[in-house]
Amino acid sequence: MKLARTAFGLFCLLLAPWFNSGLCAEDTAETLLEHGLHFSDLYNWSAARPYLIKAKQSFEASGDKKNGLFAELAVIRAGAEPASLPELSYKLMKELATNPILQSDKELRMYCLAVKGELDGEIDSAAMRRDWTEVKRLAQELSNTKWQYRAQGQLGFADFYDGDLPGAQKNVNLVIPPRIGLTMELAVGLMLIVLGVLNLTGITQWITNRFMPVHGHGGMIHSHMHSHGEEIHAHIHGHQPEVHLHLEQKPKSPLQKLLDRVGLYQLLRPLAVGIVHGLAGSAAVALLVLTTIRDPRWAIAYLLVFGVGTIAGMMLITMIIGAPFAFTGKRFTNFNRGLGVASGLISVAFGLFVTFQIGFVDGLFTANPHWTPH
């Protein structure tokens, strides 16, 4: 689910250039720059480049050196300059040392350092650390929280590149506020409690029976399925004397056939659990890696590997845990019922433990929460 949602979002970003490639002739240089920076913040470089290049040309033609430099830096960040990464990094280093605009304008200097930091992240982690440390300092002076968090996260990546995992966790922890991280973790504990209670009270079985496709003769009306080749038909009729109908439904679509075989509840339940599970853990931290991948194709490949690995791992764990229930379902009814009660009790107990751990030990319900992603 997480993989499909995120991959679809990136797919839409890849299509954006075709829907946004038309530049209006009446657009001002400021408007072009604003559009280009918007796409740059989304890491949609292919959509950003036409706007940024046009904005740079417009500013240079009007003699606006400051905004022209800003647009040029944005063009470099979008990967529109043909030079190599070391050459671009050296060029920006000279500009930072000699350009009077970059020496007097803190905001523009901060942006230049951020662009250089992204370039150095590909070639030199030590230079990257210096760049982003300076970006963080300038962002604090300018009260710019966006670049403060961005610099903190990039410093975490620098720690990770240097093999300093505790330092990386600490820096990422500062990017994601502890109270938000703990709240996402708390959702897992509450979900475990709810699932355990539903299991112990029999509501889970009632919901399964209610929304799973069943075939019975106890009711007034039921249906029979039969096929003609590849087409499946359903005949609805009743057995009571006062009920007599024989309605033939139209052939069903593949989705309808899937719902008939599996049931809507069985499809929605793992989706809901996956959403809650995706809010917690290291999933959000893993997505931060996307900010360092400049090529959308590699970004999608990274998400595919991450998503497939997560899905495979969760499927394996689910099969191991569910195997005893599947094996004892019809052979040992009483033992299977005992397993259900035991799993419900364990779920509630573990959920209460997680809730207490997050709420009081980690401090979500106190004034000083502390959280480290893991």
Protein backbone atom coordinates (compact mmCIF):
# COMPACT_ATOMS: atom_id res chain seq x y z
CA MET A 1 0.00 0.00 0.00
CA LYS A 2 2.72 2.49 0.97
CA LEU A 3 4.72 1.44 -2.07
CA ALA A 4 1.78 1.88 -4.44
CA ARG A 5 0.79 5.27 -3.00
CA THR A 6 4.32 6.69 -3.10
CA ALA A 7 5.15 5.23 -6.52
CA PHE A 8 1.92 6.69 -7.91
CA GLY A 9 2.87 10.10 -6.52
CA LEU A 10 6.27 9.94 -8.19
CA PHE A 11 4.64 8.76 -11.41
CA CYS A 12 2.43 11.86 -11.36
CA LEU A 13 5.53 14.00 -10.84
CA LEU A 14 7.17 12.39 -13.86
CA LEU A 15 4.14 13.28 -15.96
CA ALA A 16 4.05 16.85 -14.69
CA PRO A 17 6.47 18.23 -17.30
CA TRP A 18 4.05 17.32 -20.08
CA PHE A 19 1.24 19.18 -18.31
CA ASN A 20 3.34 22.15 -17.22
CA SER A 21 5.77 22.61 -20.06
CA GLY A 22 3.83 25.48 -21.65
CA LEU A 23 5.41 28.75 -20.50
CA CYS A 24 3.15 31.75 -20.87
CA ALA A 25 4.76 34.62 -22.71
CA GLU A 26 3.30 37.13 -20.27
CA ASP A 27 4.80 35.45 -17.20
CA THR A 28 7.20 37.73 -15.37
CA ALA A 29 10.67 36.62 -14.36
CA GLU A 30 9.53 36.53 -10.71
CA THR A 31 6.59 34.28 -11.60
CA LEU A 32 8.81 31.96 -13.62
CA LEU A 33 11.27 31.72 -10.74
CA GLU A 34 8.46 31.02 -8.29
CA HIS A 35 7.12 28.18 -10.44
CA GLY A 36 10.59 26.74 -10.90
CA LEU A 37 11.34 26.82 -7.18
CA HIS A 38 7.99 25.16 -6.49
CA PHE A 39 8.87 22.19 -8.70
CA SER A 40 12.39 22.14 -7.24
CA ASP A 41 10.96 21.75 -3.74
CA LEU A 42 9.08 18.72 -5.08
CA TYR A 43 12.36 17.41 -6.60
CA ASN A 44 10.65 17.45 -9.99
CA TRP A 45 13.74 18.71 -11.78
CA SER A 46 12.51 18.11 -15.32
CA ALA A 47 9.48 20.34 -14.71
CA ALA A 48 11.54 22.98 -12.88
CA ARG A 49 14.29 23.46 -15.47
CA PRO A 50 12.30 25.30 -18.20
CA TYR A 51 10.98 27.84 -15.70
CA LEU A 52 14.33 28.40 -14.02
CA ILE A 53 16.27 28.76 -17.29
CA LYS A 54 13.72 31.24 -18.64
CA ALA A 55 13.76 33.18 -15.35
CA LYS A 56 17.56 33.35 -15.40
CA GLN A 57 17.55 34.68 -18.96
CA SER A 58 14.89 37.28 -18.10
CA PHE A 59 16.73 38.55 -15.03
CA GLU A 60 20.03 38.79 -16.90
CA ALA A 61 18.36 40.68 -19.75
CA SER A 62 16.91 43.21 -17.31
CA GLY A 63 20.20 43.64 -15.44
CA ASP A 64 18.87 42.26 -12.13
CA LYS A 65 22.09 40.73 -10.80
CA LYS A 66 20.74 39.54 -7.45
CA ASN A 67 17.73 37.64 -8.79
CA GLY A 68 19.78 36.54 -11.77
CA LEU A 69 22.25 34.91 -9.38
CA PHE A 70 19.38 33.36 -7.43
CA ALA A 71 17.97 31.87 -10.64
CA GLU A 72 21.41 30.65 -11.70
CA LEU A 73 21.85 28.82 -8.39
CA ALA A 74 18.41 27.26 -8.83
CA VAL A 75 19.38 26.16 -12.36
CA ILE A 76 22.52 24.48 -10.98
CA ARG A 77 20.46 22.77 -8.28
CA ALA A 78 18.04 21.46 -10.92
CA GLY A 79 20.93 19.86 -12.82
CA ALA A 80 20.62 22.07 -15.89
CA GLU A 81 24.31 23.04 -15.97
CA PRO A 82 26.45 20.78 -18.19
CA ALA A 83 29.55 20.87 -15.94
CA SER A 84 30.54 18.00 -13.64
CA LEU A 85 29.71 17.99 -9.93
CA PRO A 86 33.30 18.79 -8.79
CA GLU A 87 33.46 21.67 -11.26
CA LEU A 88 30.15 23.10 -10.07
CA SER A 89 31.15 22.73 -6.43
CA TYR A 90 34.43 24.56 -7.08
CA LYS A 91 32.58 27.30 -8.97
CA LEU A 92 30.20 27.86 -6.05
CA MET A 93 33.08 27.85 -3.58
CA LYS A 94 34.74 30.70 -5.54
CA GLU A 95 31.46 32.59 -5.76
CA LEU A 96 30.96 32.34 -2.00
CA ALA A 97 34.47 33.73 -1.43
CA THR A 98 34.44 36.56 -3.97
CA ASN A 99 30.89 37.53 -4.93
CA PRO A 100 29.87 40.66 -2.95
CA ILE A 101 26.16 39.78 -3.23
CA LEU A 102 26.72 36.40 -1.59
CA GLN A 103 28.82 38.01 1.12
CA SER A 104 26.22 40.64 2.02
CA ASP A 105 22.91 38.84 1.45
CA LYS A 106 22.50 36.12 4.11
CA GLU A 107 19.46 34.53 2.54
CA LEU A 108 21.07 34.18 -0.87
CA ARG A 109 24.30 32.94 0.72
CA MET A 110 22.31 30.33 2.63
CA TYR A 111 20.69 29.12 -0.58
CA CYS A 112 24.05 28.97 -2.37
CA LEU A 113 25.51 26.90 0.47
CA ALA A 114 22.50 24.59 0.32
CA VAL A 115 23.02 24.03 -3.41
CA LYS A 116 26.72 23.39 -2.82
CA GLY A 117 25.84 21.05 0.03
CA GLU A 118 23.66 18.95 -2.25
CA LEU A 119 26.47 18.74 -4.79
CA ASP A 120 29.09 17.89 -2.16
CA GLY A 121 26.82 15.18 -0.80
CA GLU A 122 27.60 13.25 -3.98
CA ILE A 123 31.37 13.68 -3.81
CA ASP A 124 32.67 14.78 -0.38
CA SER A 125 30.87 14.17 2.92
CA ALA A 126 33.28 16.41 4.87
CA ALA A 127 32.58 19.39 2.59
CA MET A 128 28.89 18.53 2.75
CA ARG A 129 28.99 18.70 6.54
CA ARG A 130 30.65 22.15 6.45
CA ASP A 131 28.11 23.43 3.94
CA TRP A 132 25.06 22.30 5.87
CA THR A 133 26.46 23.41 9.22
CA GLU A 134 26.74 26.92 7.78
CA VAL A 135 23.25 26.64 6.27
CA LYS A 136 21.88 25.70 9.68
CA ARG A 137 23.60 28.67 11.34
CA LEU A 138 22.30 31.13 8.75
CA ALA A 139 18.80 29.63 8.89
CA GLN A 140 18.75 30.11 12.65
CA GLU A 141 19.81 33.75 12.26
CA LEU A 142 17.08 34.27 9.66
CA SER A 143 14.48 32.27 11.68
CA ASN A 144 13.93 30.10 8.61
CA THR A 145 12.57 26.83 10.04
CA LYS A 146 12.31 25.17 6.62
CA TRP A 147 16.06 25.32 6.01
CA GLN A 148 16.85 24.63 9.67
CA TYR A 149 15.08 21.27 9.45
CA ARG A 150 16.50 20.62 6.01
CA ALA A 151 20.06 21.31 7.19
CA GLN A 152 19.57 19.13 10.27
CA GLY A 153 18.39 16.23 8.13
CA GLN A 154 21.29 16.62 5.72
CA LEU A 155 23.72 16.59 8.63
CA GLY A 156 22.12 13.31 9.60
CA PHE A 157 22.90 11.96 6.14
CA ALA A 158 26.50 13.16 6.53
CA ASP A 159 26.72 11.18 9.78
CA PHE A 160 25.26 8.16 8.02
CA TYR A 161 27.79 8.44 5.18
CA ASP A 162 30.58 8.54 7.80
CA GLY A 163 29.23 5.44 9.57
CA ASP A 164 28.01 7.37 12.61
CA LEU A 165 24.58 5.76 13.05
CA PRO A 166 23.84 7.26 16.52
CA GLY A 167 24.66 10.73 15.17
CA ALA A 168 22.40 10.16 12.16
CA GLN A 169 19.54 9.04 14.41
CA LYS A 170 20.02 12.09 16.63
CA ASN A 171 19.92 14.52 13.72
CA VAL A 172 16.87 12.86 12.14
CA ASN A 173 15.20 12.91 15.55
CA LEU A 174 15.56 16.69 15.53
CA VAL A 175 13.95 16.89 12.08
CA ILE A 176 10.88 14.87 13.12
CA PRO A 177 9.56 16.38 16.40
CA PRO A 178 9.50 13.77 19.20
CA ARG A 179 5.83 14.33 20.01
CA ILE A 180 4.83 13.61 16.39
CA GLY A 181 7.03 10.53 16.21
CA LEU A 182 5.68 9.19 19.50
CA THR A 183 2.10 9.84 18.44
CA MET A 184 2.63 7.75 15.31
CA GLU A 185 4.13 4.98 17.44
CA LEU A 186 1.22 5.23 19.90
CA ALA A 187 -1.24 4.54 17.07
CA VAL A 188 0.28 1.04 16.76
CA GLY A 189 -0.25 0.33 20.46
CA LEU A 190 -3.87 1.50 20.31
CA MET A 191 -4.46 -0.59 17.20
CA LEU A 192 -3.16 -3.69 18.99
CA ILE A 193 -5.55 -3.06 21.89
CA VAL A 194 -8.53 -2.59 19.57
CA LEU A 195 -7.72 -5.70 17.53
CA GLY A 196 -7.28 -7.76 20.72
CA VAL A 197 -10.59 -6.59 22.19
CA LEU A 198 -12.42 -7.27 18.93
CA ASN A 199 -10.94 -10.76 18.86
CA LEU A 200 -11.81 -11.56 22.50
CA THR A 201 -15.39 -10.32 22.21
CA GLY A 202 -16.05 -12.22 19.01
CA ILE A 203 -16.68 -9.08 17.00
CA THR A 204 -13.85 -9.96 14.61
CA GLN A 205 -15.51 -13.29 13.76
CA TRP A 206 -18.89 -11.59 13.41
CA ILE A 207 -17.46 -9.01 11.01
CA THR A 208 -15.72 -11.75 9.04
CA ASN A 209 -18.93 -13.76 8.73
CA ARG A 210 -20.95 -10.65 7.96
CA PHE A 211 -18.78 -9.38 5.13
CA MET A 212 -17.27 -12.61 3.81
CA PRO A 213 -19.10 -14.32 0.93
CA VAL A 214 -21.03 -17.28 2.36
CA HIS A 215 -23.44 -19.87 1.01
CA GLY A 216 -26.16 -21.04 3.30
CA HIS A 217 -29.74 -22.38 3.26
CA GLY A 218 -30.88 -21.00 6.58
CA GLY A 219 -32.08 -17.66 5.25
CA MET A 220 -35.02 -16.69 3.21
CA ILE A 221 -33.03 -15.90 0.09
CA HIS A 222 -29.63 -17.03 -1.14
CA SER A 223 -27.75 -17.46 -4.39
CA HIS A 224 -26.13 -20.20 -6.42
CA MET A 225 -23.10 -19.62 -8.63
CA HIS A 226 -22.49 -21.48 -11.88
CA SER A 227 -20.36 -20.85 -14.93
CA HIS A 228 -20.68 -20.95 -18.70
CA GLY A 229 -17.15 -21.15 -19.98
CA GLU A 230 -15.33 -18.20 -18.45
CA GLU A 231 -18.51 -16.33 -17.46
CA ILE A 232 -19.91 -16.75 -13.96
CA HIS A 233 -23.62 -16.25 -13.23
CA ALA A 234 -25.50 -15.97 -9.94
CA HIS A 235 -29.07 -17.21 -9.51
CA ILE A 236 -30.90 -15.67 -6.54
CA HIS A 237 -33.88 -17.56 -5.14
CA GLY A 238 -35.63 -18.51 -1.92
CA HIS A 239 -36.81 -21.78 -0.34
CA GLN A 240 -39.65 -20.48 1.79
CA PRO A 241 -43.18 -21.00 0.39
CA GLU A 242 -43.92 -17.29 0.43
CA VAL A 243 -40.73 -16.43 -1.41
CA HIS A 244 -40.28 -17.42 -5.01
CA LEU A 245 -37.95 -15.52 -7.28
CA HIS A 246 -35.36 -16.58 -9.77
CA LEU A 247 -33.26 -13.60 -10.85
CA GLU A 248 -30.24 -14.03 -13.07
CA GLN A 249 -27.51 -11.45 -12.63
CA LYS A 250 -25.29 -10.14 -15.39
CA PRO A 251 -21.73 -11.47 -15.72
CA LYS A 252 -19.47 -9.89 -13.12
CA SER A 253 -16.31 -7.90 -13.66
CA PRO A 254 -12.92 -9.18 -12.42
CA LEU A 255 -13.11 -6.84 -9.40
CA GLN A 256 -16.55 -8.13 -8.47
CA LYS A 257 -15.31 -11.71 -8.80
CA LEU A 258 -12.40 -10.88 -6.48
CA LEU A 259 -14.77 -9.38 -3.92
CA ASP A 260 -16.98 -12.49 -4.15
CA ARG A 261 -14.04 -14.78 -3.50
CA VAL A 262 -12.23 -12.76 -0.82
CA GLY A 263 -14.73 -10.30 0.62
CA LEU A 264 -14.51 -6.54 1.10
CA TYR A 265 -13.57 -6.86 4.77
CA GLN A 266 -10.60 -9.10 4.04
CA LEU A 267 -9.32 -6.48 1.59
CA LEU A 268 -9.86 -3.44 3.81
CA ARG A 269 -8.48 -4.93 7.03
CA PRO A 270 -4.83 -5.29 5.90
CA LEU A 271 -5.10 -1.88 4.22
CA ALA A 272 -6.12 -0.22 7.51
CA VAL A 273 -3.45 -2.07 9.49
CA GLY A 274 -0.85 -1.14 6.87
CA ILE A 275 -1.75 2.55 7.06
CA VAL A 276 -1.29 2.60 10.85
CA HIS A 277 1.89 0.54 10.64
CA GLY A 278 3.25 2.84 7.94
CA LEU A 279 2.88 5.89 10.19
CA ALA A 280 5.27 4.42 12.74
CA GLY A 281 8.75 2.97 12.62
CA SER A 282 11.41 4.04 10.17
CA ALA A 283 9.24 4.38 7.05
CA ALA A 284 9.15 8.18 7.21
CA VAL A 285 12.89 8.27 7.85
CA ALA A 286 13.52 5.96 4.90
CA LEU A 287 11.62 8.32 2.61
CA LEU A 288 14.00 11.12 3.58
CA VAL A 289 16.59 9.33 1.46
CA LEU A 290 14.59 10.43 -1.59
CA THR A 291 15.80 13.99 -1.02
CA THR A 292 19.32 12.87 -1.94
CA ILE A 293 18.32 11.07 -5.16
CA ARG A 294 18.28 13.52 -8.07
CA ASP A 295 17.16 11.09 -10.78
CA PRO A 296 13.42 10.18 -10.56
CA ARG A 297 14.12 6.79 -12.11
CA TRP A 298 16.54 5.88 -9.32
CA ALA A 299 14.10 7.29 -6.77
CA ILE A 300 11.37 4.96 -8.04
CA ALA A 301 13.85 2.05 -8.07
CA TYR A 302 14.75 2.80 -4.44
CA LEU A 303 11.07 2.86 -3.43
CA LEU A 304 10.44 -0.40 -5.27
CA VAL A 305 13.30 -2.15 -3.47
CA PHE A 306 12.26 -0.71 -0.12
CA GLY A 307 8.57 -1.51 -0.68
CA VAL A 308 9.08 -5.02 -2.02
CA GLY A 309 11.41 -5.85 0.88
CA THR A 310 8.89 -4.55 3.40
CA ILE A 311 6.01 -6.44 1.77
CA ALA A 312 8.01 -9.68 1.60
CA GLY A 313 9.04 -9.40 5.24
CA MET A 314 5.51 -8.70 6.46
CA MET A 315 4.08 -11.53 4.33
CA LEU A 316 6.60 -13.98 5.78
CA ILE A 317 5.81 -12.95 9.35
CA THR A 318 2.06 -13.14 8.69
CA MET A 319 2.39 -16.62 7.18
CA ILE A 320 4.40 -17.86 10.17
CA ILE A 321 1.91 -16.47 12.68
CA GLY A 322 -1.20 -17.48 10.71
CA ALA A 323 -0.08 -21.03 9.89
CA PRO A 324 -1.18 -22.54 13.25
CA PHE A 325 -4.63 -20.95 12.91
CA ALA A 326 -5.06 -22.21 9.36
CA PHE A 327 -3.91 -25.72 10.31
CA THR A 328 -6.13 -26.07 13.39
CA GLY A 329 -9.16 -24.22 11.98
CA LYS A 330 -11.24 -27.30 11.04
CA ARG A 331 -9.24 -30.12 12.58
CA PHE A 332 -9.07 -28.91 16.19
CA THR A 333 -11.88 -26.46 16.78
CA ASN A 334 -11.39 -26.08 20.54
CA PHE A 335 -7.65 -25.67 20.20
CA ASN A 336 -8.15 -23.09 17.46
CA ARG A 337 -10.57 -21.19 19.70
CA GLY A 338 -7.95 -21.26 22.44
CA LEU A 339 -5.35 -19.86 20.08
CA GLY A 340 -7.74 -17.04 19.21
CA VAL A 341 -8.26 -16.16 22.87
CA ALA A 342 -4.53 -16.34 23.55
CA SER A 343 -3.71 -14.11 20.58
CA GLY A 344 -6.33 -11.61 21.72
CA LEU A 345 -4.91 -11.49 25.24
CA ILE A 346 -1.36 -11.13 23.94
CA SER A 347 -2.44 -8.35 21.58
CA VAL A 348 -4.17 -6.40 24.36
CA ALA A 349 -1.27 -6.93 26.80
CA PHE A 350 1.37 -5.88 24.29
CA GLY A 351 -0.73 -2.92 23.19
CA LEU A 352 -1.06 -1.74 26.80
CA PHE A 353 2.69 -2.17 27.28
CA VAL A 354 3.46 -0.15 24.14
CA THR A 355 1.01 2.56 25.18
CA PHE A 356 2.52 2.82 28.66
CA GLN A 357 6.06 2.79 27.27
CA ILE A 358 5.34 5.56 24.77
CA GLY A 359 3.03 7.61 26.97
CA PHE A 360 5.02 7.66 30.20
CA VAL A 361 8.51 6.19 29.75
CA ASP A 362 9.17 8.04 26.46
CA GLY A 363 7.18 10.99 27.76
CA LEU A 364 4.42 11.54 25.19
CA PHE A 365 1.99 12.38 28.00
CA THR A 366 4.58 14.47 29.84
CA ALA A 367 6.17 17.86 29.22
CA ASN A 368 9.49 16.44 27.96
CA PRO A 369 8.99 13.73 25.32
CA HIS A 370 12.04 12.03 23.82
CA TRP A 371 12.05 9.79 20.76
CA THR A 372 14.67 8.18 18.57
CA PRO A 373 13.63 6.61 15.25
CA HIS A 374 14.71 3.01 14.88
